Amino acid sequence: MVKLTFREQEFEVPAGITVGQALAKCQLNPHTVLAVRQGKLITDDVVLNEGDEIRLLAVISGGREAG
């Protein structure tokens, strides 16, 4: 199994699926989180391995529009 942590929530998904598939199983929008494995950012197409612990970080955007 693979453990995903987002804020105070923990999810478990089977190994062998992609990050994108894992996010879908957890009903999380892939456009609103970044996945981190062992301190490194990973993309939605990365296959998760047995025992992986993935930290999900909320994407924050904002700032001013160029005028």
Protein backbone atom coordinates (compact mmCIF):
# COMPACT_ATOMS: atom_id res chain seq x y z
CA MET A 1 0.00 0.00 0.00
CA VAL A 2 0.93 3.65 -0.47
CA LYS A 3 0.12 6.34 2.08
CA LEU A 4 -0.87 9.82 0.95
CA THR A 5 -1.10 12.66 3.45
CA PHE A 6 -2.95 15.89 2.73
CA ARG A 7 -3.27 18.35 5.60
CA GLU A 8 -4.75 16.28 8.45
CA GLN A 9 -6.11 13.54 6.17
CA GLU A 10 -4.45 10.24 5.35
CA PHE A 11 -5.36 8.03 2.41
CA GLU A 12 -4.16 4.56 1.40
CA VAL A 13 -4.06 3.44 -2.21
CA PRO A 14 -2.61 0.34 -3.89
CA ALA A 15 0.94 0.39 -5.22
CA GLY A 16 1.43 0.26 -8.99
CA ILE A 17 -0.88 3.14 -9.88
CA THR A 18 0.14 6.64 -10.94
CA VAL A 19 -0.03 9.74 -8.78
CA GLY A 20 -2.91 10.97 -10.96
CA GLN A 21 -4.85 7.74 -10.44
CA ALA A 22 -4.19 7.90 -6.70
CA LEU A 23 -5.51 11.46 -6.52
CA ALA A 24 -8.65 10.40 -8.40
CA LYS A 25 -9.21 7.50 -5.96
CA CYS A 26 -8.91 9.97 -3.07
CA GLN A 27 -11.25 12.40 -4.86
CA LEU A 28 -8.60 15.14 -4.88
CA ASN A 29 -8.27 17.59 -7.75
CA PRO A 30 -4.79 17.17 -9.29
CA HIS A 31 -4.75 20.89 -10.15
CA THR A 32 -4.90 21.84 -6.47
CA VAL A 33 -2.12 19.69 -4.97
CA LEU A 34 1.56 18.91 -5.52
CA ALA A 35 2.89 15.44 -4.71
CA VAL A 36 6.21 15.06 -2.86
CA ARG A 37 8.08 11.77 -2.37
CA GLN A 38 11.26 11.72 -0.26
CA GLY A 39 11.52 15.50 -0.47
CA LYS A 40 11.24 15.63 -4.27
CA LEU A 41 8.33 16.87 -6.34
CA ILE A 42 6.80 14.14 -8.52
CA THR A 43 4.40 14.46 -11.44
CA ASP A 44 0.99 12.88 -12.03
CA ASP A 45 2.44 10.19 -14.34
CA VAL A 46 4.86 8.74 -11.76
CA VAL A 47 4.01 5.17 -10.68
CA LEU A 48 3.79 4.71 -6.91
CA ASN A 49 5.74 1.91 -5.25
CA GLU A 50 4.85 -0.32 -2.31
CA GLY A 51 5.62 1.51 0.94
CA ASP A 52 5.80 5.00 -0.61
CA GLU A 53 4.72 7.85 1.64
CA ILE A 54 3.50 10.78 -0.42
CA ARG A 55 2.95 14.22 1.04
CA LEU A 56 0.41 16.35 -0.80
CA LEU A 57 0.84 20.10 -0.63
CA ALA A 58 -1.89 22.60 -1.47
CA VAL A 59 -1.14 24.76 -4.51
CA ILE A 60 -1.27 28.43 -3.60
CA SER A 61 -1.61 31.04 -6.27
CA GLY A 62 -2.23 34.72 -6.22
CA GLY A 63 -0.53 38.00 -6.69
CA ARG A 64 -1.25 40.88 -8.95
CA GLU A 65 -2.16 40.82 -12.59
CA ALA A 66 0.16 42.62 -14.93
CA GLY A 67 -1.43 45.85 -15.95
